[in-house]
Amino acid sequence: MLNSVYREDLIENVRDILAKAGFYVSRTIVMRRVSFDVVARRDKILLIMKVLSNIDSFSKENAEELKVLAEALEASPLVVGERTGSGEMEEGIVYSRFGIPIISVDTLSDFVLEGIPPFIFAAPGGLYVKLDSELLRKLREERNISLGTLAEVAGVSRRTIQMYESGMGAMIDVATRLENYLNELLVVPLDPFIYNSRTGQHLVDLNKLDVFGQEVFGILDRLGYSIVPTVKCPFEALTSHDRTLMLTGLGKDESRLVEKAHAVGDISKITERKSVIFIERVRNRCSIGGTPLIGKDELKKMDESDKLFDLVISRSGSYEKR
């Protein structure tokens, strides 16, 4: 219980930092077994964040789910933590697990509030920095320095120098020797928000959903929607048609419908995507917290994707281009 309360405080600290830095920040996603805790946007930067006191608990499955969401939403996945099993995370270092960037709370604060970027990243074998590969090549060629000479100065092989010139990171001591020899600053800052998109594997087989889920997504497929299933999310899939992407949930469990709709609606606002939850039948209300509700019987009558999108727009109370 104590660890749970502590993590809640940690998440609120992260939310406060982002808000002070001008990010539009979602409420904490409090639903159980959700793969992320906060969604935040500032201008073109969209972050999907997991906050952990100990980053060793970050799993490969969690990483794959974040990759799926990041790919579909054109977002950057990020984990913020405080420590590993071996000790406190160091400030100014970008860590990584399963291809997802991980930074400390202090590193996040320095970066977004003070404009101080990290310069070091952790990788197997130690701590590394990113070199300005074009400048390194330019200086070597302009000064007529051979690969062999630079390799001897740095204490590495000729092949390794070539790899530095192609963008490979260097050990800190190697970078220092190169900078001292060339009398130039070669180390460049890192941006933990820049993510090289790698599509995550789909973790759910739609055929394994219950009858209600299979019916709903079967109709969406017939209407021409592409479906990317999700796990550990407030919504069950990301569905898209043309340039329209919707956070799509299933509301079969009416006891949790309000909580789910508010969570999906909040994420929808931050990501600037539409959302919808499909339920057995619409009764007293057509939306909750800005999230449209559409009954399965209504969906069955749809014969065009545009009609579904128009219904989503009308029930969300807003109008926008597709």
Protein backbone atom coordinates (compact mmCIF):
# COMPACT_ATOMS: atom_id res chain seq x y z
CA MET A 1 0.00 0.00 0.00
CA LEU A 2 2.86 2.35 0.91
CA ASN A 3 4.56 1.79 -2.46
CA SER A 4 1.27 2.48 -4.23
CA VAL A 5 0.83 5.80 -2.43
CA TYR A 6 4.45 6.73 -3.12
CA ARG A 7 4.04 6.04 -6.84
CA GLU A 8 0.91 8.19 -6.90
CA ASP A 9 2.94 11.07 -5.45
CA LEU A 10 5.66 10.44 -8.03
CA ILE A 11 3.13 10.58 -10.87
CA GLU A 12 1.71 13.85 -9.52
CA ASN A 13 5.23 15.28 -9.36
CA VAL A 14 5.76 14.38 -13.03
CA ARG A 15 2.40 15.90 -13.96
CA ASP A 16 3.28 19.13 -12.12
CA ILE A 17 6.63 19.39 -13.91
CA LEU A 18 5.01 18.93 -17.31
CA ALA A 19 2.22 21.41 -16.53
CA LYS A 20 4.75 24.06 -15.44
CA ALA A 21 6.61 23.48 -18.71
CA GLY A 22 3.48 24.30 -20.72
CA PHE A 23 2.26 20.78 -21.45
CA TYR A 24 -1.42 19.98 -21.59
CA VAL A 25 -1.48 16.97 -19.25
CA SER A 26 -4.10 14.27 -18.79
CA ARG A 27 -5.36 13.20 -15.43
CA THR A 28 -3.62 10.14 -14.06
CA ILE A 29 -5.04 6.96 -15.60
CA VAL A 30 -6.18 5.15 -12.46
CA MET A 31 -7.76 2.11 -14.10
CA ARG A 32 -6.11 -1.18 -13.20
CA ARG A 33 -3.58 -2.86 -15.47
CA VAL A 34 -3.08 0.12 -17.78
CA SER A 35 0.24 0.32 -19.63
CA PHE A 36 0.70 4.08 -19.22
CA ASP A 37 -0.06 6.65 -16.53
CA VAL A 38 -0.08 10.05 -18.24
CA VAL A 39 -0.50 11.51 -21.70
CA ALA A 40 0.87 15.00 -22.34
CA ARG A 41 1.05 17.36 -25.31
CA ARG A 42 2.94 20.56 -26.05
CA ASP A 43 2.69 21.83 -29.61
CA LYS A 44 3.78 18.90 -31.79
CA ILE A 45 5.23 16.86 -28.93
CA LEU A 46 2.90 14.10 -27.73
CA LEU A 47 4.14 11.92 -24.87
CA ILE A 48 2.78 8.61 -23.63
CA MET A 49 4.37 8.10 -20.24
CA LYS A 50 4.80 5.38 -17.67
CA VAL A 51 5.99 6.48 -14.23
CA LEU A 52 7.73 3.92 -12.01
CA SER A 53 9.60 4.24 -8.74
CA ASN A 54 11.74 1.22 -9.77
CA ILE A 55 12.22 0.85 -13.52
CA ASP A 56 13.14 -2.83 -13.15
CA SER A 57 9.40 -3.51 -13.08
CA PHE A 58 9.07 -2.25 -16.67
CA SER A 59 8.29 -5.31 -18.79
CA LYS A 60 8.79 -6.20 -22.43
CA GLU A 61 5.03 -6.54 -22.82
CA ASN A 62 4.56 -3.02 -21.46
CA ALA A 63 7.18 -1.73 -23.89
CA GLU A 64 5.53 -3.42 -26.87
CA GLU A 65 2.18 -1.89 -25.97
CA LEU A 66 3.72 1.58 -25.71
CA LYS A 67 5.33 1.06 -29.12
CA VAL A 68 1.96 0.15 -30.67
CA LEU A 69 0.35 3.29 -29.23
CA ALA A 70 3.28 5.52 -30.17
CA GLU A 71 3.25 4.26 -33.76
CA ALA A 72 -0.49 4.77 -34.20
CA LEU A 73 -0.71 8.13 -32.42
CA GLU A 74 2.57 9.54 -33.76
CA ALA A 75 3.72 9.97 -30.17
CA SER A 76 6.87 9.44 -28.15
CA PRO A 77 6.84 6.76 -25.44
CA LEU A 78 8.77 7.61 -22.30
CA VAL A 79 9.35 6.03 -18.91
CA VAL A 80 10.18 8.24 -15.92
CA GLY A 81 11.59 6.62 -12.81
CA GLU A 82 13.77 7.06 -9.75
CA ARG A 83 15.86 3.97 -9.29
CA THR A 84 16.84 0.51 -10.46
CA GLY A 85 17.56 -2.54 -8.37
CA SER A 86 21.21 -1.44 -8.16
CA GLY A 87 20.58 2.12 -6.98
CA GLU A 88 19.34 5.59 -7.84
CA MET A 89 19.08 6.64 -11.49
CA GLU A 90 21.62 9.31 -12.33
CA GLU A 91 20.66 12.77 -13.48
CA GLY A 92 21.48 13.71 -17.07
CA ILE A 93 21.52 10.13 -18.37
CA VAL A 94 19.07 8.55 -20.81
CA TYR A 95 18.52 4.89 -20.00
CA SER A 96 16.66 2.42 -22.19
CA ARG A 97 14.68 -0.80 -21.78
CA PHE A 98 13.29 -2.76 -24.73
CA GLY A 99 13.82 0.25 -27.00
CA ILE A 100 11.93 2.73 -24.79
CA PRO A 101 13.80 5.82 -23.43
CA ILE A 102 13.90 6.08 -19.62
CA ILE A 103 14.93 9.15 -17.61
CA SER A 104 14.86 10.25 -13.98
CA VAL A 105 12.44 12.83 -12.61
CA ASP A 106 15.33 15.29 -12.20
CA THR A 107 16.42 14.77 -15.80
CA LEU A 108 12.86 15.46 -16.97
CA SER A 109 12.69 18.61 -14.85
CA ASP A 110 16.05 19.89 -16.12
CA PHE A 111 15.06 19.24 -19.72
CA VAL A 112 11.56 20.74 -19.84
CA LEU A 113 11.87 23.49 -17.21
CA GLU A 114 15.50 24.61 -17.49
CA GLY A 115 16.24 23.65 -21.08
CA ILE A 116 19.18 21.51 -19.95
CA PRO A 117 19.32 18.37 -22.09
CA PRO A 118 20.98 15.10 -21.12
CA PHE A 119 24.24 14.28 -22.88
CA ILE A 120 24.87 10.69 -21.79
CA PHE A 121 23.04 7.47 -22.57
CA ALA A 122 23.40 4.11 -20.91
CA ALA A 123 23.89 1.04 -23.08
CA PRO A 124 25.37 -2.44 -22.66
CA GLY A 125 29.00 -1.95 -21.71
CA GLY A 126 28.75 1.43 -20.02
CA LEU A 127 27.92 5.08 -20.60
CA TYR A 128 28.09 6.66 -24.02
CA VAL A 129 27.67 10.02 -25.75
CA LYS A 130 26.46 10.93 -29.21
CA LEU A 131 29.05 12.56 -31.47
CA ASP A 132 28.48 15.08 -34.21
CA SER A 133 29.41 12.56 -36.89
CA GLU A 134 29.38 15.05 -39.77
CA LEU A 135 31.66 17.47 -37.91
CA LEU A 136 34.04 14.64 -36.99
CA ARG A 137 34.33 13.56 -40.61
CA LYS A 138 34.67 17.15 -41.83
CA LEU A 139 37.47 17.98 -39.37
CA ARG A 140 39.38 14.81 -40.18
CA GLU A 141 39.19 15.41 -43.93
CA GLU A 142 39.89 19.17 -43.78
CA ARG A 143 42.93 18.64 -41.57
CA ASN A 144 44.08 15.64 -43.59
CA ILE A 145 44.10 13.38 -40.54
CA SER A 146 44.14 9.69 -41.35
CA LEU A 147 41.77 7.18 -39.83
CA GLY A 148 44.78 5.46 -38.31
CA THR A 149 45.99 8.58 -36.55
CA LEU A 150 42.57 9.38 -35.12
CA ALA A 151 42.14 5.76 -34.08
CA GLU A 152 45.46 5.83 -32.22
CA VAL A 153 44.54 9.07 -30.45
CA ALA A 154 41.15 7.69 -29.39
CA GLY A 155 42.47 4.25 -28.48
CA VAL A 156 40.11 2.42 -30.83
CA SER A 157 40.27 0.74 -34.24
CA ARG A 158 40.09 2.44 -37.64
CA ARG A 159 36.75 0.69 -38.19
CA THR A 160 35.40 2.19 -34.99
CA ILE A 161 36.30 5.72 -36.14
CA GLN A 162 34.38 5.03 -39.34
CA MET A 163 31.42 3.92 -37.26
CA TYR A 164 31.60 7.14 -35.22
CA GLU A 165 31.44 9.04 -38.50
CA SER A 166 28.34 7.01 -39.38
CA GLY A 167 26.53 7.94 -36.18
CA MET A 168 27.55 5.33 -33.60
CA GLY A 169 27.83 6.51 -30.00
CA ALA A 170 31.21 6.67 -28.26
CA MET A 171 32.41 5.93 -24.74
CA ILE A 172 32.83 9.12 -22.70
CA ASP A 173 36.62 8.82 -22.35
CA VAL A 174 37.00 8.23 -26.11
CA ALA A 175 34.92 11.32 -26.89
CA THR A 176 37.04 13.38 -24.49
CA ARG A 177 40.28 12.29 -26.19
CA LEU A 178 38.88 13.15 -29.62
CA GLU A 179 37.68 16.58 -28.48
CA ASN A 180 41.03 17.39 -26.86
CA TYR A 181 42.98 16.32 -29.94
CA LEU A 182 40.76 18.19 -32.42
CA ASN A 183 40.14 21.12 -30.05
CA GLU A 184 36.46 21.05 -30.98
CA LEU A 185 33.25 20.18 -29.16
CA LEU A 186 31.96 16.95 -30.69
CA VAL A 187 29.43 15.72 -28.12
CA VAL A 188 25.86 16.71 -28.93
CA PRO A 189 22.85 16.82 -26.58
CA LEU A 190 20.20 14.10 -26.51
CA ASP A 191 16.47 14.60 -26.86
CA PRO A 192 14.65 11.91 -24.84
CA PHE A 193 11.42 12.84 -26.61
CA ILE A 194 12.76 11.80 -30.01
CA TYR A 195 11.77 8.22 -30.65
CA ASN A 196 12.76 6.12 -33.63
CA SER A 197 9.44 4.47 -34.33
CA ARG A 198 9.55 0.71 -34.29
CA THR A 199 6.18 -0.91 -34.71
CA GLY A 200 5.37 -3.08 -31.75
CA GLN A 201 3.92 -6.50 -32.24
CA HIS A 202 0.16 -6.74 -31.83
CA LEU A 203 -0.40 -8.42 -28.51
CA VAL A 204 -4.05 -9.37 -28.96
CA ASP A 205 -5.75 -11.68 -31.46
CA LEU A 206 -9.18 -10.23 -32.21
CA ASN A 207 -10.52 -13.74 -32.58
CA LYS A 208 -9.83 -14.29 -28.88
CA LEU A 209 -12.18 -11.48 -27.82
CA ASP A 210 -15.61 -12.32 -26.43
CA VAL A 211 -18.65 -12.47 -28.72
CA PHE A 212 -19.51 -8.80 -28.17
CA GLY A 213 -16.00 -7.64 -29.09
CA GLN A 214 -15.84 -9.86 -32.16
CA GLU A 215 -19.20 -8.56 -33.38
CA VAL A 216 -18.25 -4.90 -32.97
CA PHE A 217 -14.85 -5.18 -34.61
CA GLY A 218 -16.27 -7.44 -37.30
CA ILE A 219 -18.68 -4.67 -38.31
CA LEU A 220 -15.92 -2.04 -38.19
CA ASP A 221 -13.82 -4.26 -40.44
CA ARG A 222 -16.75 -4.55 -42.87
CA LEU A 223 -17.01 -0.75 -42.91
CA GLY A 224 -13.38 -0.55 -43.98
CA TYR A 225 -11.75 0.32 -40.67
CA SER A 226 -8.24 -0.87 -39.92
CA ILE A 227 -8.04 -2.24 -36.39
CA VAL A 228 -4.98 -2.21 -34.11
CA PRO A 229 -5.86 -4.06 -30.89
CA THR A 230 -4.39 -2.87 -27.60
CA VAL A 231 -3.82 -4.34 -24.16
CA LYS A 232 -3.58 -2.66 -20.77
CA CYS A 233 -5.41 0.41 -22.11
CA PRO A 234 -8.68 2.14 -21.22
CA PHE A 235 -9.69 1.36 -24.83
CA GLU A 236 -9.57 -1.96 -26.68
CA ALA A 237 -8.28 -0.82 -30.08
CA LEU A 238 -7.17 2.01 -32.33
CA THR A 239 -9.37 2.02 -35.41
CA SER A 240 -8.62 4.04 -38.50
CA HIS A 241 -10.14 4.82 -41.88
CA ASP A 242 -8.46 7.16 -44.35
CA ARG A 243 -6.91 9.82 -42.09
CA THR A 244 -9.36 9.28 -39.24
CA LEU A 245 -8.07 7.54 -36.11
CA MET A 246 -10.33 6.74 -33.16
CA LEU A 247 -9.65 5.44 -29.68
CA THR A 248 -12.19 2.63 -29.61
CA GLY A 249 -13.50 1.03 -26.46
CA LEU A 250 -15.97 -1.70 -25.59
CA GLY A 251 -18.41 -0.90 -22.78
CA LYS A 252 -19.89 -4.27 -22.01
CA ASP A 253 -19.23 -3.85 -18.28
CA GLU A 254 -21.74 -1.14 -17.36
CA SER A 255 -20.45 -0.89 -13.78
CA ARG A 256 -17.17 0.57 -15.07
CA LEU A 257 -18.53 2.45 -18.06
CA VAL A 258 -18.41 5.93 -16.51
CA GLU A 259 -14.82 5.51 -15.31
CA LYS A 260 -13.77 4.13 -18.68
CA ALA A 261 -15.52 6.85 -20.70
CA HIS A 262 -13.92 9.64 -18.67
CA ALA A 263 -10.47 8.09 -19.05
CA VAL A 264 -10.87 7.61 -22.80
CA GLY A 265 -12.30 11.11 -23.22
CA ASP A 266 -9.38 12.68 -21.36
CA ILE A 267 -6.83 10.83 -23.49
CA SER A 268 -8.79 11.78 -26.60
CA LYS A 269 -8.49 15.50 -25.79
CA ILE A 270 -4.75 15.32 -25.15
CA THR A 271 -3.97 13.27 -28.25
CA GLU A 272 -6.40 15.31 -30.37
CA ARG A 273 -8.06 12.16 -31.67
CA LYS A 274 -11.70 11.17 -31.61
CA SER A 275 -12.94 8.47 -29.27
CA VAL A 276 -15.92 6.16 -29.07
CA ILE A 277 -17.19 3.40 -26.84
CA PHE A 278 -19.52 0.74 -28.21
CA ILE A 279 -22.12 -0.67 -25.82
CA GLU A 280 -24.95 -3.17 -26.10
CA ARG A 281 -27.61 -0.45 -26.45
CA VAL A 282 -27.87 3.28 -25.85
CA ARG A 283 -30.40 4.18 -23.17
CA ASN A 284 -30.41 7.45 -21.25
CA ARG A 285 -27.34 9.19 -22.59
CA CYS A 286 -25.35 9.25 -25.79
CA SER A 287 -22.01 10.34 -24.34
CA ILE A 288 -20.07 10.43 -21.08
CA GLY A 289 -17.28 12.89 -20.41
CA GLY A 290 -17.14 13.85 -24.09
CA THR A 291 -16.82 10.23 -25.20
CA PRO A 292 -19.64 9.19 -27.57
CA LEU A 293 -21.54 5.99 -26.81
CA ILE A 294 -22.87 3.97 -29.73
CA GLY A 295 -25.06 0.92 -29.36
CA LYS A 296 -24.31 -2.33 -31.13
CA ASP A 297 -27.75 -2.20 -32.72
CA GLU A 298 -26.98 1.27 -34.15
CA LEU A 299 -23.62 0.06 -35.45
CA LYS A 300 -25.23 -2.89 -37.22
CA LYS A 301 -27.36 -0.49 -39.28
CA MET A 302 -24.30 1.39 -40.57
CA ASP A 303 -23.44 0.83 -44.20
CA GLU A 304 -20.78 3.54 -44.66
CA SER A 305 -17.77 4.60 -42.58
CA ASP A 306 -18.72 8.27 -43.02
CA LYS A 307 -22.04 7.70 -41.27
CA LEU A 308 -20.29 6.21 -38.27
CA PHE A 309 -17.81 9.07 -38.11
CA ASP A 310 -20.61 11.65 -38.39
CA LEU A 311 -22.43 9.98 -35.49
CA VAL A 312 -19.24 10.02 -33.41
CA ILE A 313 -18.78 13.73 -34.15
CA SER A 314 -22.38 14.65 -33.34
CA ARG A 315 -22.32 12.79 -30.03
CA SER A 316 -18.97 14.22 -28.98
CA GLY A 317 -20.43 17.70 -29.40
CA SER A 318 -17.73 18.90 -31.78
CA TYR A 319 -17.14 19.14 -35.49
CA GLU A 320 -13.87 18.77 -37.29
CA LYS A 321 -12.35 17.75 -40.60
CA ARG A 322 -11.87 14.03 -41.21
